[in-house]
PDB file of N, CA and C in Angstrom:
ATOM      1  N   MET A   1       1.003  -1.708   0.082  1.00  0.00           N
ATOM      2  CA  MET A   1       0.167   0.353  -0.084  1.00  0.00           C
ATOM      3  C   MET A   1       1.143   1.357  -0.109  1.00  0.00           C
ATOM      4  N   LEU A   2       1.892   0.851   1.089  1.00  0.00           N
ATOM      5  CA  LEU A   2       2.883   2.503   1.445  1.00  0.00           C
ATOM      6  C   LEU A   2       3.666   2.137  -0.742  1.00  0.00           C
ATOM      7  N   ASP A   3       3.507   1.252  -1.087  1.00  0.00           N
ATOM      8  CA  ASP A   3       4.928   1.414  -2.344  1.00  0.00           C
ATOM      9  C   ASP A   3       4.358   1.884  -3.207  1.00  0.00           C
ATOM     10  N   ASP A   4       3.213   1.676  -3.178  1.00  0.00           N
ATOM     11  CA  ASP A   4       1.661   2.171  -3.991  1.00  0.00           C
ATOM     12  C   ASP A   4       1.453   3.783  -4.227  1.00  0.00           C
ATOM     13  N   PHE A   5       1.848   3.816  -3.083  1.00  0.00           N
ATOM     14  CA  PHE A   5       0.773   5.324  -2.580  1.00  0.00           C
ATOM     15  C   PHE A   5       3.111   5.784  -3.145  1.00  0.00           C
ATOM     16  N   GLN A   6       4.068   5.652  -3.015  1.00  0.00           N
ATOM     17  CA  GLN A   6       4.950   5.692  -2.636  1.00  0.00           C
ATOM     18  C   GLN A   6       5.879   6.049  -4.534  1.00  0.00           C
ATOM     19  N   SER A   7       4.877   5.030  -5.199  1.00  0.00           N
ATOM     20  CA  SER A   7       4.753   5.210  -6.643  1.00  0.00           C
ATOM     21  C   SER A   7       4.235   5.974  -7.603  1.00  0.00           C
ATOM     22  N   ILE A   8       3.107   6.241  -7.142  1.00  0.00           N
ATOM     23  CA  ILE A   8       1.906   7.485  -7.579  1.00  0.00           C
ATOM     24  C   ILE A   8       2.507   8.435  -7.507  1.00  0.00           C
ATOM     25  N   LEU A   9       3.351   8.788  -6.274  1.00  0.00           N
ATOM     26  CA  LEU A   9       4.131  10.339  -6.219  1.00  0.00           C
ATOM     27  C   LEU A   9       5.065  10.862  -6.869  1.00  0.00           C
ATOM     28  N   GLU A  10       5.902   9.983  -7.133  1.00  0.00           N
ATOM     29  CA  GLU A  10       6.956   9.427  -7.951  1.00  0.00           C
ATOM     30  C   GLU A  10       6.918   9.753  -9.189  1.00  0.00           C
ATOM     31  N   HIS A  11       6.249   9.034 -10.058  1.00  0.00           N
ATOM     32  CA  HIS A  11       5.765   8.012 -11.258  1.00  0.00           C
ATOM     33  C   HIS A  11       4.009   9.281 -11.487  1.00  0.00           C
ATOM     34  N   GLY A  12       3.106   9.661 -10.900  1.00  0.00           N
ATOM     35  CA  GLY A  12       2.131   9.486 -11.212  1.00  0.00           C
ATOM     36  C   GLY A  12       1.492   9.124 -11.772  1.00  0.00           C
ATOM     37  N   ILE A  13       0.060   9.193 -12.143  1.00  0.00           N
ATOM     38  CA  ILE A  13      -1.421   8.501 -12.151  1.00  0.00           C
ATOM     39  C   ILE A  13      -1.280   8.508 -13.834  1.00  0.00           C
ATOM     40  N   SER A  14      -1.139   7.351 -14.559  1.00  0.00           N
ATOM     41  CA  SER A  14      -1.395   7.769 -16.139  1.00  0.00           C
ATOM     42  C   SER A  14      -2.743   6.779 -16.383  1.00  0.00           C
ATOM     43  N   PHE A  15      -3.482   8.077 -17.268  1.00  0.00           N
ATOM     44  CA  PHE A  15      -5.275   7.397 -17.246  1.00  0.00           C
ATOM     45  C   PHE A  15      -5.395   6.878 -19.003  1.00  0.00           C
ATOM     46  N   LYS A  16      -6.073   5.798 -18.300  1.00  0.00           N
ATOM     47  CA  LYS A  16      -6.459   4.899 -20.469  1.00  0.00           C
ATOM     48  C   LYS A  16      -7.487   6.188 -20.942  1.00  0.00           C
ATOM     49  N   GLY A  17      -6.437   6.313 -22.190  1.00  0.00           N
ATOM     50  CA  GLY A  17      -7.395   7.185 -22.983  1.00  0.00           C
ATOM     51  C   GLY A  17      -9.108   6.139 -23.099  1.00  0.00           C
ATOM     52  N   SER A  18      -9.472   7.192 -23.993  1.00  0.00           N
ATOM     53  CA  SER A  18     -11.341   6.645 -24.498  1.00  0.00           C
ATOM     54  C   SER A  18     -10.675   5.528 -25.237  1.00  0.00           C
ATOM     55  N   SER A  19     -11.651   4.979 -25.698  1.00  0.00           N
ATOM     56  CA  SER A  19     -11.999   4.514 -27.090  1.00  0.00           C
ATOM     57  C   SER A  19     -12.250   4.726 -28.011  1.00  0.00           C
ATOM     58  N   GLY A  20     -12.875   6.154 -28.138  1.00  0.00           N
ATOM     59  CA  GLY A  20     -13.685   6.570 -28.880  1.00  0.00           C
ATOM     60  C   GLY A  20     -15.224   6.216 -29.448  1.00  0.00           C
ATOM     61  N   PRO A  21     -15.547   6.470 -30.653  1.00  0.00           N
ATOM     62  CA  PRO A  21     -17.103   6.780 -30.808  1.00  0.00           C
ATOM     63  C   PRO A  21     -17.445   5.179 -31.446  1.00  0.00           C
ATOM     64  N   LYS A  22     -18.618   5.009 -30.847  1.00  0.00           N
ATOM     65  CA  LYS A  22     -18.974   3.519 -31.002  1.00  0.00           C
ATOM     66  C   LYS A  22     -19.314   3.732 -32.842  1.00  0.00           C
ATOM     67  N   LYS A  23     -19.184   2.015 -32.909  1.00  0.00           N
ATOM     68  CA  LYS A  23     -19.903   2.003 -34.541  1.00  0.00           C
ATOM     69  C   LYS A  23     -20.526   1.103 -34.444  1.00  0.00           C
ATOM     70  N   ASP A  24     -22.500   2.133 -35.129  1.00  0.00           N
ATOM     71  CA  ASP A  24     -22.693   1.521 -35.439  1.00  0.00           C
ATOM     72  C   ASP A  24     -23.602   1.645 -37.467  1.00  0.00           C
ATOM     73  N   ASP A  25     -21.884   0.266 -37.875  1.00  0.00           N
ATOM     74  CA  ASP A  25     -22.924   1.266 -38.893  1.00  0.00           C
ATOM     75  C   ASP A  25     -24.189   0.751 -39.536  1.00  0.00           C
ATOM     76  N   ASP A  26     -24.501  -0.341 -38.852  1.00  0.00           N
ATOM     77  CA  ASP A  26     -25.575  -1.008 -39.743  1.00  0.00           C
ATOM     78  C   ASP A  26     -27.279  -0.116 -39.137  1.00  0.00           C
ATOM     79  N   LYS A  27     -26.870   1.167 -38.534  1.00  0.00           N
ATOM     80  CA  LYS A  27     -28.482   1.283 -38.170  1.00  0.00           C
ATOM     81  C   LYS A  27     -28.985   2.504 -39.703  1.00  0.00           C
ATOM     82  N   VAL A  28     -30.021   2.432 -39.503  1.00  0.00           N
ATOM     83  CA  VAL A  28     -30.978   3.391 -40.110  1.00  0.00           C
ATOM     84  C   VAL A  28     -30.699   4.585 -39.747  1.00  0.00           C
ATOM     85  N   LYS A  29     -30.814   5.783 -40.354  1.00  0.00           N
ATOM     86  CA  LYS A  29     -30.479   7.329 -39.884  1.00  0.00           C
ATOM     87  C   LYS A  29     -31.886   7.504 -40.737  1.00  0.00           C
ATOM     88  N   THR A  30     -32.806   7.747 -40.168  1.00  0.00           N
ATOM     89  CA  THR A  30     -34.264   8.708 -40.301  1.00  0.00           C
ATOM     90  C   THR A  30     -34.862   9.587 -39.503  1.00  0.00           C
ATOM     91  N   LYS A  31     -35.358  10.822 -39.436  1.00  0.00           N
ATOM     92  CA  LYS A  31     -35.880  11.825 -39.326  1.00  0.00           C
ATOM     93  C   LYS A  31     -37.215  11.339 -38.980  1.00  0.00           C
ATOM     94  N   ALA A  32     -37.499   9.934 -38.867  1.00  0.00           N
ATOM     95  CA  ALA A  32     -38.631   9.682 -38.108  1.00  0.00           C
ATOM     96  C   ALA A  32     -38.747  10.484 -37.119  1.00  0.00           C
ATOM     97  N   LYS A  33     -37.981  10.086 -35.876  1.00  0.00           N
ATOM     98  CA  LYS A  33     -38.388   9.773 -34.591  1.00  0.00           C
ATOM     99  C   LYS A  33     -38.712  11.772 -34.013  1.00  0.00           C
ATOM    100  N   LYS A  34     -37.312  12.566 -35.145  1.00  0.00           N
ATOM    101  CA  LYS A  34     -37.686  13.678 -34.533  1.00  0.00           C
ATOM    102  C   LYS A  34     -39.232  14.484 -34.896  1.00  0.00           C
ATOM    103  N   LYS A  35     -39.152  13.688 -36.354  1.00  0.00           N
ATOM    104  CA  LYS A  35     -40.592  14.591 -36.653  1.00  0.00           C
ATOM    105  C   LYS A  35     -42.285  14.303 -36.137  1.00  0.00           C
ATOM    106  N   LYS A  36     -41.341  12.912 -35.778  1.00  0.00           N
ATOM    107  CA  LYS A  36     -43.151  12.730 -34.722  1.00  0.00           C
ATOM    108  C   LYS A  36     -42.713  13.917 -32.996  1.00  0.00           C
ATOM    109  N   TYR A  37     -42.256  14.284 -32.954  1.00  0.00           N
ATOM    110  CA  TYR A  37     -41.105  15.063 -31.355  1.00  0.00           C
ATOM    111  C   TYR A  37     -41.418  17.061 -32.349  1.00  0.00           C
ATOM    112  N   VAL A  38     -41.489  17.138 -33.017  1.00  0.00           N
ATOM    113  CA  VAL A  38     -41.637  17.855 -34.047  1.00  0.00           C
ATOM    114  C   VAL A  38     -43.286  18.132 -33.594  1.00  0.00           C
ATOM    115  N   THR A  39     -44.412  17.515 -34.294  1.00  0.00           N
ATOM    116  CA  THR A  39     -45.133  17.494 -34.815  1.00  0.00           C
ATOM    117  C   THR A  39     -46.099  16.885 -33.335  1.00  0.00           C
ATOM    118  N   GLY A  40     -44.921  16.943 -32.272  1.00  0.00           N
ATOM    119  CA  GLY A  40     -46.033  16.058 -30.838  1.00  0.00           C
ATOM    120  C   GLY A  40     -47.147  15.703 -30.429  1.00  0.00           C
ATOM    121  N   ALA A  41     -46.705  14.235 -31.278  1.00  0.00           N
ATOM    122  CA  ALA A  41     -47.058  12.890 -31.847  1.00  0.00           C
ATOM    123  C   ALA A  41     -46.398  11.285 -30.719  1.00  0.00           C
ATOM    124  N   HIS A  42     -45.611  12.135 -30.467  1.00  0.00           N
ATOM    125  CA  HIS A  42     -45.075  11.165 -29.195  1.00  0.00           C
ATOM    126  C   HIS A  42     -45.669  11.323 -27.715  1.00  0.00           C
ATOM    127  N   GLY A  43     -46.494  11.887 -27.788  1.00  0.00           N
ATOM    128  CA  GLY A  43     -47.550  11.978 -26.278  1.00  0.00           C
ATOM    129  C   GLY A  43     -46.470  13.060 -25.059  1.00  0.00           C
ATOM    130  N   SER A  44     -45.867  13.835 -25.236  1.00  0.00           N
ATOM    131  CA  SER A  44     -45.295  14.562 -23.996  1.00  0.00           C
ATOM    132  C   SER A  44     -46.111  15.549 -24.528  1.00  0.00           C
ATOM    133  N   GLY A  45     -46.092  15.965 -23.175  1.00  0.00           N
ATOM    134  CA  GLY A  45     -47.446  16.833 -22.776  1.00  0.00           C
ATOM    135  C   GLY A  45     -45.647  18.817 -23.637  1.00  0.00           C
ATOM    136  N   SER A  46     -44.680  18.475 -22.925  1.00  0.00           N
ATOM    137  CA  SER A  46     -44.104  19.718 -23.733  1.00  0.00           C
ATOM    138  C   SER A  46     -43.746  19.396 -25.263  1.00  0.00           C
ATOM    139  N   ALA A  47     -43.906  18.422 -25.558  1.00  0.00           N
ATOM    140  CA  ALA A  47     -43.913  18.528 -27.399  1.00  0.00           C
ATOM    141  C   ALA A  47     -44.835  18.425 -28.164  1.00  0.00           C
ATOM    142  N   ARG A  48     -46.578  18.416 -27.293  1.00  0.00           N
ATOM    143  CA  ARG A  48     -47.509  19.043 -27.577  1.00  0.00           C
ATOM    144  C   ARG A  48     -47.620  20.723 -27.250  1.00  0.00           C
ATOM    145  N   GLN A  49     -47.170  21.059 -26.374  1.00  0.00           N
ATOM    146  CA  GLN A  49     -47.069  22.349 -26.319  1.00  0.00           C
ATOM    147  C   GLN A  49     -45.602  23.526 -27.217  1.00  0.00           C
ATOM    148  N   LYS A  50     -44.918  22.539 -27.498  1.00  0.00           N
ATOM    149  CA  LYS A  50     -44.279  23.419 -28.551  1.00  0.00           C
ATOM    150  C   LYS A  50     -44.511  23.407 -30.134  1.00  0.00           C
ATOM    151  N   ALA A  51     -45.276  22.033 -30.348  1.00  0.00           N
ATOM    152  CA  ALA A  51     -45.767  22.055 -31.821  1.00  0.00           C
ATOM    153  C   ALA A  51     -46.455  23.151 -31.726  1.00  0.00           C
ATOM    154  N   LYS A  52     -47.628  23.174 -30.736  1.00  0.00           N
ATOM    155  CA  LYS A  52     -48.412  24.188 -30.524  1.00  0.00           C
ATOM    156  C   LYS A  52     -48.115  25.606 -31.444  1.00  0.00           C
ATOM    157  N   TYR A  53     -46.993  25.892 -30.172  1.00  0.00           N
ATOM    158  CA  TYR A  53     -46.515  27.121 -30.218  1.00  0.00           C
ATOM    159  C   TYR A  53     -45.684  27.040 -31.858  1.00  0.00           C
ATOM    160  N   ARG A  54     -45.041  25.743 -32.858  1.00  0.00           N
ATOM    161  CA  ARG A  54     -44.344  25.838 -33.774  1.00  0.00           C
ATOM    162  C   ARG A  54     -45.053  26.004 -35.123  1.00  0.00           C
ATOM    163  N   GLU A  55     -46.945  25.535 -34.663  1.00  0.00           N
ATOM    164  CA  GLU A  55     -48.191  25.767 -35.763  1.00  0.00           C
ATOM    165  C   GLU A  55     -48.583  27.288 -35.692  1.00  0.00           C
ATOM    166  N   GLN A  56     -48.523  28.306 -34.794  1.00  0.00           N
ATOM    167  CA  GLN A  56     -49.073  29.045 -34.606  1.00  0.00           C
ATOM    168  C   GLN A  56     -47.638  30.220 -35.518  1.00  0.00           C
ATOM    169  N   ARG A  57     -46.876  29.796 -35.032  1.00  0.00           N
ATOM    170  CA  ARG A  57     -45.360  30.505 -35.241  1.00  0.00           C
ATOM    171  C   ARG A  57     -45.743  31.087 -36.532  1.00  0.00           C
ATOM    172  N   SER A  58     -46.179  29.905 -37.594  1.00  0.00           N
ATOM    173  CA  SER A  58     -45.707  29.126 -39.227  1.00  0.00           C
ATOM    174  C   SER A  58     -46.799  29.699 -39.814  1.00  0.00           C
ATOM    175  N   ASN A  59     -48.331  29.913 -38.613  1.00  0.00           N
ATOM    176  CA  ASN A  59     -49.155  30.709 -39.767  1.00  0.00           C
ATOM    177  C   ASN A  59     -49.483  32.470 -39.310  1.00  0.00           C
ATOM    178  N   ARG A  60     -48.943  32.816 -38.791  1.00  0.00           N
ATOM    179  CA  ARG A  60     -48.284  34.809 -39.108  1.00  0.00           C
ATOM    180  C   ARG A  60     -48.818  34.823 -40.366  1.00  0.00           C
ATOM    181  N   LYS A  61     -49.140  35.841 -39.895  1.00  0.00           N
ATOM    182  CA  LYS A  61     -49.306  36.364 -41.365  1.00  0.00           C
ATOM    183  C   LYS A  61     -47.939  37.047 -42.549  1.00  0.00           C
ATOM    184  N   SER A  62     -46.988  36.928 -41.186  1.00  0.00           N
ATOM    185  CA  SER A  62     -44.833  37.567 -41.805  1.00  0.00           C
ATOM    186  C   SER A  62     -44.521  36.594 -42.083  1.00  0.00           C
ATOM    187  N   GLN A  63     -44.945  35.063 -41.380  1.00  0.00           N
ATOM    188  CA  GLN A  63     -44.744  33.794 -42.211  1.00  0.00           C
ATOM    189  C   GLN A  63     -44.867  32.965 -43.291  1.00  0.00           C
ATOM    190  N   ARG A  64     -46.046  33.675 -43.723  1.00  0.00           N
ATOM    191  CA  ARG A  64     -46.881  32.971 -44.764  1.00  0.00           C
ATOM    192  C   ARG A  64     -46.100  34.363 -45.878  1.00  0.00           C
ATOM    193  N   LYS A  65     -46.309  33.350 -47.101  1.00  0.00           N
ATOM    194  CA  LYS A  65     -45.706  33.654 -48.091  1.00  0.00           C
ATOM    195  C   LYS A  65     -46.391  33.903 -49.890  1.00  0.00           C
TER     196      LYS A  65
END
């Protein structure tokens, strides 16, 4: 125990580096989940409220063309 402490004092502690990001090449990337959140379809009250505000903002006269 004391030898370990002495070794740490003399040489310091070296931490292992991170292994990097995980690679999931077989995953299908879609915007389906994001779309459900933006439209409020997944049932969260917060998402429904935000979707309502987004819809109100998009329906403003200044946003229409």
